[in-house]
C-alpha atoms as a PDB file:
ATOM      1  CA  MET A   1     113.356 104.264  26.006  1.00  0.00           C
ATOM      2  CA  SER A   2     114.424 102.659  22.725  1.00  0.00           C
ATOM      3  CA  LYS A   3     117.786 100.872  22.544  1.00  0.00           C
ATOM      4  CA  ARG A   4     119.105 103.357  19.987  1.00  0.00           C
ATOM      5  CA  LEU A   5     118.134 106.376  22.105  1.00  0.00           C
ATOM      6  CA  PHE A   6     119.727 104.773  25.166  1.00  0.00           C
ATOM      7  CA  ASP A   7     122.909 104.062  23.175  1.00  0.00           C
ATOM      8  CA  ILE A   8     123.175 107.696  22.075  1.00  0.00           C
ATOM      9  CA  VAL A   9     122.470 109.240  25.493  1.00  0.00           C
ATOM     10  CA  PHE A  10     124.737 106.820  27.369  1.00  0.00           C
ATOM     11  CA  SER A  11     127.593 107.201  24.865  1.00  0.00           C
ATOM     12  CA  VAL A  12     127.495 111.007  24.957  1.00  0.00           C
ATOM     13  CA  ILE A  13     127.616 110.974  28.766  1.00  0.00           C
ATOM     14  CA  VAL A  14     130.513 108.497  28.832  1.00  0.00           C
ATOM     15  CA  LEU A  15     132.519 110.371  26.190  1.00  0.00           C
ATOM     16  CA  VAL A  16     132.086 113.711  27.974  1.00  0.00           C
ATOM     17  CA  LEU A  17     133.073 112.270  31.358  1.00  0.00           C
ATOM     18  CA  PHE A  18     135.953 110.278  29.876  1.00  0.00           C
ATOM     19  CA  LEU A  19     137.391 113.157  27.821  1.00  0.00           C
ATOM     20  CA  PRO A  20     140.097 114.281  30.333  1.00  0.00           C
ATOM     21  CA  ILE A  21     141.311 110.679  30.779  1.00  0.00           C
ATOM     22  CA  GLY A  22     141.147 110.159  27.018  1.00  0.00           C
ATOM     23  CA  ILE A  23     143.387 113.167  26.417  1.00  0.00           C
ATOM     24  CA  VAL A  24     145.986 111.839  28.887  1.00  0.00           C
ATOM     25  CA  ILE A  25     145.900 108.386  27.278  1.00  0.00           C
ATOM     26  CA  SER A  26     146.231 109.906  23.802  1.00  0.00           C
ATOM     27  CA  ILE A  27     149.336 111.877  24.797  1.00  0.00           C
ATOM     28  CA  TRP A  28     150.890 108.805  26.458  1.00  0.00           C
ATOM     29  CA  VAL A  29     150.238 106.598  23.426  1.00  0.00           C
ATOM     30  CA  VAL A  30     151.730 109.115  20.975  1.00  0.00           C
ATOM     31  CA  ILE A  31     154.789 109.873  23.106  1.00  0.00           C
ATOM     32  CA  GLU A  32     155.629 106.209  23.684  1.00  0.00           C
ATOM     33  CA  SER A  33     155.555 104.910  20.115  1.00  0.00           C
ATOM     34  CA  ARG A  34     154.907 105.958  16.556  1.00  0.00           C
ATOM     35  CA  GLY A  35     151.662 105.029  14.860  1.00  0.00           C
ATOM     36  CA  GLY A  36     148.939 107.420  15.943  1.00  0.00           C
ATOM     37  CA  ILE A  37     146.418 107.438  18.781  1.00  0.00           C
ATOM     38  CA  PHE A  38     143.868 104.990  17.440  1.00  0.00           C
ATOM     39  CA  PHE A  39     143.997 101.426  16.234  1.00  0.00           C
ATOM     40  CA  ILE A  40     141.391 100.989  13.506  1.00  0.00           C
ATOM     41  CA  GLN A  41     140.414  97.466  12.552  1.00  0.00           C
ATOM     42  CA  GLU A  42     137.779  96.111  10.219  1.00  0.00           C
ATOM     43  CA  ARG A  43     135.173  94.099  12.103  1.00  0.00           C
ATOM     44  CA  ILE A  44     131.996  92.429  10.943  1.00  0.00           C
ATOM     45  CA  GLY A  45     128.779  94.063  12.080  1.00  0.00           C
ATOM     46  CA  ARG A  46     125.058  93.583  11.717  1.00  0.00           C
ATOM     47  CA  ASN A  47     123.998  91.430   8.762  1.00  0.00           C
ATOM     48  CA  GLY A  48     127.639  90.748   7.946  1.00  0.00           C
ATOM     49  CA  ALA A  49     128.457  94.352   7.008  1.00  0.00           C
ATOM     50  CA  PRO A  50     132.068  95.376   7.720  1.00  0.00           C
ATOM     51  CA  PHE A  51     132.850  98.542   9.670  1.00  0.00           C
ATOM     52  CA  SER A  52     135.930 100.241  11.120  1.00  0.00           C
ATOM     53  CA  MET A  53     136.129  99.709  14.877  1.00  0.00           C
ATOM     54  CA  LEU A  54     138.128 102.145  17.000  1.00  0.00           C
ATOM     55  CA  LYS A  55     140.420 101.443  19.921  1.00  0.00           C
ATOM     56  CA  PHE A  56     143.201 103.352  21.624  1.00  0.00           C
ATOM     57  CA  ARG A  57     146.361 101.890  20.130  1.00  0.00           C
ATOM     58  CA  SER A  58     147.954  99.507  22.617  1.00  0.00           C
ATOM     59  CA  MET A  59     150.451  97.782  20.328  1.00  0.00           C
ATOM     60  CA  ARG A  60     153.352  98.826  18.170  1.00  0.00           C
ATOM     61  CA  LYS A  61     152.789  99.938  14.590  1.00  0.00           C
ATOM     62  CA  ASN A  62     151.963  97.132  12.141  1.00  0.00           C
ATOM     63  CA  ALA A  63     151.679  94.614  15.007  1.00  0.00           C
ATOM     64  CA  GLU A  64     148.709  92.970  13.287  1.00  0.00           C
ATOM     65  CA  ALA A  65     151.005  91.625  10.570  1.00  0.00           C
ATOM     66  CA  SER A  66     152.113  88.870  12.965  1.00  0.00           C
ATOM     67  CA  GLY A  67     148.595  87.816  13.976  1.00  0.00           C
ATOM     68  CA  LYS A  68     145.227  89.224  15.069  1.00  0.00           C
ATOM     69  CA  LEU A  69     145.105  87.477  18.455  1.00  0.00           C
ATOM     70  CA  THR A  70     146.903  88.992  21.434  1.00  0.00           C
ATOM     71  CA  ILE A  71     148.666  86.319  23.472  1.00  0.00           C
ATOM     72  CA  GLY A  72     148.664  87.456  27.095  1.00  0.00           C
ATOM     73  CA  MET A  73     150.100  90.645  28.530  1.00  0.00           C
ATOM     74  CA  ASN A  74     153.648  89.490  27.764  1.00  0.00           C
ATOM     75  CA  ASP A  75     153.046  89.798  24.036  1.00  0.00           C
ATOM     76  CA  GLN A  76     156.112  91.748  22.887  1.00  0.00           C
ATOM     77  CA  ARG A  77     153.970  93.859  20.558  1.00  0.00           C
ATOM     78  CA  ILE A  78     152.151  95.535  23.467  1.00  0.00           C
ATOM     79  CA  THR A  79     153.508  98.906  24.612  1.00  0.00           C
ATOM     80  CA  GLN A  80     153.756  99.952  28.273  1.00  0.00           C
ATOM     81  CA  SER A  81     150.818 102.300  27.875  1.00  0.00           C
ATOM     82  CA  GLY A  82     149.047  99.455  26.113  1.00  0.00           C
ATOM     83  CA  LYS A  83     149.505  97.121  29.085  1.00  0.00           C
ATOM     84  CA  PHE A  84     147.908  99.696  31.376  1.00  0.00           C
ATOM     85  CA  ILE A  85     144.932 100.567  29.198  1.00  0.00           C
ATOM     86  CA  ARG A  86     144.298  96.905  28.337  1.00  0.00           C
ATOM     87  CA  LYS A  87     144.332  95.912  32.008  1.00  0.00           C
ATOM     88  CA  PHE A  88     141.457  98.294  32.734  1.00  0.00           C
ATOM     89  CA  LYS A  89     139.836  97.954  29.276  1.00  0.00           C
ATOM     90  CA  LEU A  90     140.393 101.668  28.629  1.00  0.00           C
ATOM     91  CA  ASP A  91     141.464 100.900  25.059  1.00  0.00           C
ATOM     92  CA  GLU A  92     137.824 100.090  24.278  1.00  0.00           C
ATOM     93  CA  PHE A  93     136.391 103.549  25.095  1.00  0.00           C
ATOM     94  CA  PRO A  94     136.709 105.006  21.559  1.00  0.00           C
ATOM     95  CA  GLN A  95     134.070 102.477  20.539  1.00  0.00           C
ATOM     96  CA  PHE A  96     131.457 104.793  22.027  1.00  0.00           C
ATOM     97  CA  ILE A  97     132.160 106.843  18.878  1.00  0.00           C
ATOM     98  CA  ASN A  98     131.217 103.741  16.875  1.00  0.00           C
ATOM     99  CA  VAL A  99     127.996 103.616  18.886  1.00  0.00           C
ATOM    100  CA  LEU A 100     127.161 107.229  18.025  1.00  0.00           C
ATOM    101  CA  LYS A 101     127.854 106.476  14.355  1.00  0.00           C
ATOM    102  CA  GLY A 102     125.403 103.585  14.507  1.00  0.00           C
ATOM    103  CA  ASP A 103     127.957 100.831  13.868  1.00  0.00           C
ATOM    104  CA  MET A 104     127.584  99.371  17.346  1.00  0.00           C
ATOM    105  CA  SER A 105     125.410  99.314  20.456  1.00  0.00           C
ATOM    106  CA  VAL A 106     126.631  99.667  24.034  1.00  0.00           C
ATOM    107  CA  VAL A 107     125.526  96.079  24.734  1.00  0.00           C
ATOM    108  CA  GLY A 108     125.580  93.349  22.108  1.00  0.00           C
ATOM    109  CA  PRO A 109     127.739  90.515  20.769  1.00  0.00           C
ATOM    110  CA  ARG A 110     131.363  91.596  20.431  1.00  0.00           C
ATOM    111  CA  PRO A 111     132.274  92.060  16.751  1.00  0.00           C
ATOM    112  CA  GLU A 112     134.741  89.643  15.207  1.00  0.00           C
ATOM    113  CA  VAL A 113     137.242  90.006  12.384  1.00  0.00           C
ATOM    114  CA  LYS A 114     136.264  88.446   9.046  1.00  0.00           C
ATOM    115  CA  GLU A 115     138.823  85.661   9.454  1.00  0.00           C
ATOM    116  CA  PHE A 116     136.818  84.189  12.328  1.00  0.00           C
ATOM    117  CA  VAL A 117     133.329  85.105  11.111  1.00  0.00           C
ATOM    118  CA  ASP A 118     134.080  83.061   7.996  1.00  0.00           C
ATOM    119  CA  LEU A 119     134.269  80.012  10.289  1.00  0.00           C
ATOM    120  CA  TYR A 120     130.747  80.512  11.707  1.00  0.00           C
ATOM    121  CA  THR A 121     128.128  77.870  11.085  1.00  0.00           C
ATOM    122  CA  ALA A 122     124.727  78.997   9.760  1.00  0.00           C
ATOM    123  CA  ASP A 123     123.360  78.802  13.314  1.00  0.00           C
ATOM    124  CA  GLN A 124     126.226  80.840  14.763  1.00  0.00           C
ATOM    125  CA  TYR A 125     125.812  83.464  12.049  1.00  0.00           C
ATOM    126  CA  THR A 126     122.463  84.457  13.601  1.00  0.00           C
ATOM    127  CA  ILE A 127     124.297  86.568  16.192  1.00  0.00           C
ATOM    128  CA  LEU A 128     124.886  89.025  13.341  1.00  0.00           C
ATOM    129  CA  ASP A 129     121.141  89.718  13.256  1.00  0.00           C
ATOM    130  CA  VAL A 130     121.782  92.522  15.764  1.00  0.00           C
ATOM    131  CA  LYS A 131     124.351  95.287  16.087  1.00  0.00           C
ATOM    132  CA  PRO A 132     127.576  94.246  17.809  1.00  0.00           C
ATOM    133  CA  GLY A 133     128.302  95.794  21.194  1.00  0.00           C
ATOM    134  CA  ILE A 134     131.067  97.123  23.399  1.00  0.00           C
ATOM    135  CA  THR A 135     130.232  94.605  26.117  1.00  0.00           C
ATOM    136  CA  ASP A 136     128.154  91.460  26.544  1.00  0.00           C
ATOM    137  CA  PHE A 137     127.870  88.285  28.613  1.00  0.00           C
ATOM    138  CA  ALA A 138     130.866  86.824  26.759  1.00  0.00           C
ATOM    139  CA  SER A 139     133.018  89.857  27.579  1.00  0.00           C
ATOM    140  CA  LEU A 140     132.278  89.299  31.262  1.00  0.00           C
ATOM    141  CA  GLU A 141     132.916  85.554  31.138  1.00  0.00           C
ATOM    142  CA  TYR A 142     136.148  85.985  29.181  1.00  0.00           C
ATOM    143  CA  PHE A 143     137.301  89.234  30.763  1.00  0.00           C
ATOM    144  CA  GLU A 144     140.878  87.874  30.866  1.00  0.00           C
ATOM    145  CA  GLU A 145     140.793  86.056  27.538  1.00  0.00           C
ATOM    146  CA  ASN A 146     144.339  87.132  26.671  1.00  0.00           C
ATOM    147  CA  LYS A 147     145.681  85.296  29.725  1.00  0.00           C
ATOM    148  CA  LEU A 148     143.871  82.114  28.684  1.00  0.00           C
ATOM    149  CA  LEU A 149     145.363  82.338  25.205  1.00  0.00           C
ATOM    150  CA  GLY A 150     148.771  82.979  26.713  1.00  0.00           C
ATOM    151  CA  LEU A 151     148.597  79.606  28.480  1.00  0.00           C
ATOM    152  CA  SER A 152     147.795  77.709  25.279  1.00  0.00           C
ATOM    153  CA  ASP A 153     150.318  75.882  23.113  1.00  0.00           C
ATOM    154  CA  ASN A 154     148.200  76.787  20.094  1.00  0.00           C
ATOM    155  CA  PRO A 155     146.329  80.041  20.862  1.00  0.00           C
ATOM    156  CA  LYS A 156     144.517  80.287  17.526  1.00  0.00           C
ATOM    157  CA  GLU A 157     143.226  76.715  17.743  1.00  0.00           C
ATOM    158  CA  THR A 158     142.153  77.286  21.362  1.00  0.00           C
ATOM    159  CA  TYR A 159     140.290  80.419  20.351  1.00  0.00           C
ATOM    160  CA  VAL A 160     138.544  78.869  17.346  1.00  0.00           C
ATOM    161  CA  SER A 161     137.640  75.509  18.891  1.00  0.00           C
ATOM    162  CA  VAL A 162     136.991  76.453  22.529  1.00  0.00           C
ATOM    163  CA  ILE A 163     136.605  80.160  23.271  1.00  0.00           C
ATOM    164  CA  MET A 164     134.768  81.360  20.172  1.00  0.00           C
ATOM    165  CA  PRO A 165     131.969  78.748  20.327  1.00  0.00           C
ATOM    166  CA  ALA A 166     131.506  79.407  24.060  1.00  0.00           C
ATOM    167  CA  LYS A 167     131.269  83.146  23.452  1.00  0.00           C
ATOM    168  CA  ILE A 168     128.750  82.662  20.650  1.00  0.00           C
ATOM    169  CA  ALA A 169     126.628  80.488  22.949  1.00  0.00           C
ATOM    170  CA  LEU A 170     126.588  83.301  25.513  1.00  0.00           C
ATOM    171  CA  ASN A 171     125.678  85.793  22.785  1.00  0.00           C
ATOM    172  CA  LYS A 172     122.759  83.604  21.736  1.00  0.00           C
ATOM    173  CA  LYS A 173     121.625  83.552  25.362  1.00  0.00           C
ATOM    174  CA  TYR A 174     121.497  87.362  25.267  1.00  0.00           C
ATOM    175  CA  LEU A 175     119.567  87.347  21.991  1.00  0.00           C
ATOM    176  CA  ASN A 176     116.860  85.164  23.541  1.00  0.00           C
ATOM    177  CA  ASN A 177     115.732  88.100  25.693  1.00  0.00           C
ATOM    178  CA  PRO A 178     117.405  91.429  24.902  1.00  0.00           C
ATOM    179  CA  ASN A 179     116.000  94.253  27.012  1.00  0.00           C
ATOM    180  CA  LEU A 180     117.109  97.440  28.761  1.00  0.00           C
ATOM    181  CA  THR A 181     117.141  95.811  32.203  1.00  0.00           C
ATOM    182  CA  THR A 182     119.563  93.113  30.999  1.00  0.00           C
ATOM    183  CA  ASP A 183     121.680  95.764  29.266  1.00  0.00           C
ATOM    184  CA  LEU A 184     121.950  97.790  32.479  1.00  0.00           C
ATOM    185  CA  LYS A 185     122.969  94.691  34.446  1.00  0.00           C
ATOM    186  CA  ILE A 186     125.675  93.869  31.890  1.00  0.00           C
ATOM    187  CA  ILE A 187     126.936  97.473  31.916  1.00  0.00           C
ATOM    188  CA  TRP A 188     127.098  97.487  35.729  1.00  0.00           C
ATOM    189  CA  ARG A 189     128.893  94.133  35.865  1.00  0.00           C
ATOM    190  CA  THR A 190     131.358  95.356  33.233  1.00  0.00           C
ATOM    191  CA  PHE A 191     132.057  98.504  35.271  1.00  0.00           C
ATOM    192  CA  THR A 192     132.716  96.501  38.445  1.00  0.00           C
ATOM    193  CA  LYS A 193     134.981  94.104  36.533  1.00  0.00           C
ATOM    194  CA  MET A 194     136.992  97.051  35.233  1.00  0.00           C
ATOM    195  CA  LEU A 195     137.493  98.228  38.801  1.00  0.00           C
ATOM    196  CA  GLY A 196     138.571  94.751  39.859  1.00  0.00           C
ATOM    197  CA  PHE A 197     135.540  93.891  41.988  1.00  0.00           C
END
C-alpha cells in the first residue's frame, strides 16, 4: 500500500470514529470562550510551502499575539477545555483533515512555524523534503514538551537551542528509512502515549 493511500484510508477511519467525540469537544470549546472551534495556523510544509494547519482551539482568542510557544499547562491563555484536550492530544485530531487535503501525512516530521524554519541550517532544511506529519519520533520523545518549556527561564531560547535541534535529529533518523512498518509502530506508540501507557 502506498503512503498516500494509507494516509487517506487511515484518516477517513479516524475521522468517522472520532466524530461523536469531536462534536462534544466543538460544543465545549464554543461554549467556554469566543473565537470559533478551530485554531488555524500557518505552518511550513513540504519543500517550504506554507499551509493552514488545523487544531481544536485550546487557547483564548488572539492568544498567539503574545507568543507562539505554549509554556506549560499553567499558561493563562489556555482554556479549561484546552487543558483537557491538550493533555490527551485531542486538539490535534482536525489535522486528519489536513492529511486528506494532502498538506500532511499521518506520520512525518511535525510542521514548524516560519519563525523557526527560518533558523534551520541547510542540513536541517532537508526534513522539508517530505510532507510533515501528525506524529513522529520527535512527538513521542517530546510528548510533554510544554512542561519542559514551563521549567525554563527562557522558553524560546530553550526551544531553539535545545529542543528544536534534537527534534530535527529524530526526524532525520526517520527519513533514513521511512516505511509503513515504522509508521505503524509510531502510530501505535502515539496511541499508547495518549492513553498514558
